[in-house]
C-alpha atoms as a PDB file:
ATOM      1  CA  GLY A   1      70.075 136.582 113.833  1.00  0.00           C
ATOM      2  CA  LYS A   2      67.129 136.700 116.144  1.00  0.00           C
ATOM      3  CA  ASP A   3      65.390 139.348 114.121  1.00  0.00           C
ATOM      4  CA  GLY A   4      65.650 137.181 110.920  1.00  0.00           C
ATOM      5  CA  THR A   5      68.727 138.756 109.516  1.00  0.00           C
ATOM      6  CA  LEU A   6      70.852 136.505 107.417  1.00  0.00           C
ATOM      7  CA  PHE A   7      74.648 136.584 107.194  1.00  0.00           C
ATOM      8  CA  VAL A   8      76.253 135.138 104.011  1.00  0.00           C
ATOM      9  CA  SER A   9      80.005 134.845 103.378  1.00  0.00           C
ATOM     10  CA  LEU A  10      81.079 135.888 100.042  1.00  0.00           C
ATOM     11  CA  TRP A  11      84.317 133.905  99.794  1.00  0.00           C
ATOM     12  CA  GLY A  12      85.506 135.291  96.378  1.00  0.00           C
ATOM     13  CA  ALA A  13      84.335 138.897  97.145  1.00  0.00           C
ATOM     14  CA  SER A  14      86.017 139.200 100.541  1.00  0.00           C
ATOM     15  CA  SER A  15      82.849 140.285 102.227  1.00  0.00           C
ATOM     16  CA  ILE A  16      79.827 139.301 104.095  1.00  0.00           C
ATOM     17  CA  ALA A  17      76.243 139.936 102.777  1.00  0.00           C
ATOM     18  CA  VAL A  18      73.833 141.048 105.443  1.00  0.00           C
ATOM     19  CA  ILE A  19      70.367 140.202 104.263  1.00  0.00           C
ATOM     20  CA  LYS A  20      67.533 141.774 106.434  1.00  0.00           C
ATOM     21  CA  LYS A  21      63.846 141.034 106.206  1.00  0.00           C
ATOM     22  CA  GLY A  22      61.976 143.482 103.992  1.00  0.00           C
ATOM     23  CA  GLU A  23      65.119 145.054 102.364  1.00  0.00           C
ATOM     24  CA  LYS A  24      65.566 144.403  98.631  1.00  0.00           C
ATOM     25  CA  LYS A  25      69.420 144.734  98.582  1.00  0.00           C
ATOM     26  CA  PRO A  26      71.733 143.196 101.025  1.00  0.00           C
ATOM     27  CA  ALA A  27      74.499 145.320 102.859  1.00  0.00           C
ATOM     28  CA  LEU A  28      78.228 144.237 102.415  1.00  0.00           C
ATOM     29  CA  LEU A  29      80.575 144.231 105.212  1.00  0.00           C
ATOM     30  CA  PRO A  30      84.304 144.170 103.946  1.00  0.00           C
ATOM     31  CA  ALA A  31      86.182 141.300 105.344  1.00  0.00           C
ATOM     32  CA  ASP A  32      89.732 139.829 105.116  1.00  0.00           C
ATOM     33  CA  SER A  33      90.398 137.482 102.131  1.00  0.00           C
ATOM     34  CA  HIS A  34      88.186 134.497 101.660  1.00  0.00           C
ATOM     35  CA  PRO A  35      85.741 134.644 104.609  1.00  0.00           C
ATOM     36  CA  THR A  36      84.449 131.053 105.374  1.00  0.00           C
ATOM     37  CA  GLU A  37      83.132 129.992 108.738  1.00  0.00           C
ATOM     38  CA  MET A  38      81.036 132.340 110.758  1.00  0.00           C
ATOM     39  CA  ALA A  39      79.478 132.153 114.216  1.00  0.00           C
ATOM     40  CA  LEU A  40      76.948 134.482 115.776  1.00  0.00           C
ATOM     41  CA  SER A  41      77.308 135.079 119.495  1.00  0.00           C
ATOM     42  CA  PRO A  42      74.272 133.534 121.678  1.00  0.00           C
ATOM     43  CA  ASP A  43      72.947 137.165 122.348  1.00  0.00           C
ATOM     44  CA  GLY A  44      73.102 137.891 118.559  1.00  0.00           C
ATOM     45  CA  LYS A  45      75.236 140.916 118.953  1.00  0.00           C
ATOM     46  CA  THR A  46      78.590 139.838 117.647  1.00  0.00           C
ATOM     47  CA  LEU A  47      79.526 138.188 114.415  1.00  0.00           C
ATOM     48  CA  PHE A  48      82.803 136.240 114.168  1.00  0.00           C
ATOM     49  CA  VAL A  49      84.177 135.497 110.611  1.00  0.00           C
ATOM     50  CA  ALA A  50      87.165 133.315 110.114  1.00  0.00           C
ATOM     51  CA  CYS A  51      89.126 134.135 106.824  1.00  0.00           C
ATOM     52  CA  ALA A  52      90.842 131.225 104.924  1.00  0.00           C
ATOM     53  CA  ASN A  53      93.625 133.315 103.408  1.00  0.00           C
ATOM     54  CA  SER A  54      94.869 134.459 106.794  1.00  0.00           C
ATOM     55  CA  THR A  55      95.188 133.385 110.260  1.00  0.00           C
ATOM     56  CA  ARG A  56      92.648 136.058 111.389  1.00  0.00           C
ATOM     57  CA  VAL A  57      89.094 136.261 112.697  1.00  0.00           C
ATOM     58  CA  ASN A  58      87.206 139.422 111.839  1.00  0.00           C
ATOM     59  CA  VAL A  59      84.707 140.486 114.717  1.00  0.00           C
ATOM     60  CA  PHE A  60      81.665 142.577 113.672  1.00  0.00           C
ATOM     61  CA  ASP A  61      79.000 144.354 115.606  1.00  0.00           C
ATOM     62  CA  ALA A  62      76.076 142.552 114.085  1.00  0.00           C
ATOM     63  CA  ALA A  63      73.660 145.468 114.519  1.00  0.00           C
ATOM     64  CA  SER A  64      75.869 148.079 112.829  1.00  0.00           C
ATOM     65  CA  GLY A  65      78.060 145.969 110.592  1.00  0.00           C
ATOM     66  CA  LYS A  66      81.201 147.795 111.917  1.00  0.00           C
ATOM     67  CA  ARG A  67      84.204 145.690 112.318  1.00  0.00           C
ATOM     68  CA  VAL A  68      85.187 145.989 115.889  1.00  0.00           C
ATOM     69  CA  GLU A  69      88.211 143.824 116.165  1.00  0.00           C
ATOM     70  CA  THR A  70      90.478 141.582 114.305  1.00  0.00           C
ATOM     71  CA  ILE A  71      91.900 138.476 116.147  1.00  0.00           C
ATOM     72  CA  HIS A  72      95.185 137.081 115.042  1.00  0.00           C
ATOM     73  CA  CYS A  73      95.404 133.357 115.497  1.00  0.00           C
ATOM     74  CA  ALA A  74      98.827 132.495 114.106  1.00  0.00           C
ATOM     75  CA  LEU A  75     100.793 129.826 115.843  1.00  0.00           C
ATOM     76  CA  HIS A  76     103.936 131.771 115.303  1.00  0.00           C
ATOM     77  CA  PRO A  77     104.439 135.446 114.913  1.00  0.00           C
ATOM     78  CA  GLY A  78     105.108 136.673 111.436  1.00  0.00           C
END
């Protein structure tokens, strides 16, 4: 993030580690199974996390860590 915050996907733990400058222990954001690719919006406010074991993208408020939406990306409903 613009403030030096790092977001690290923890594939096997189904979570995202949020590492902030000056803090000794990272916060963990619960995600769907096997979070892989991530993208931070240009304004740094929204974190998008693609999860490999699903057809979902978890959307987080980057400041609070709250999941605000889950985008379902399946080609076929099911």
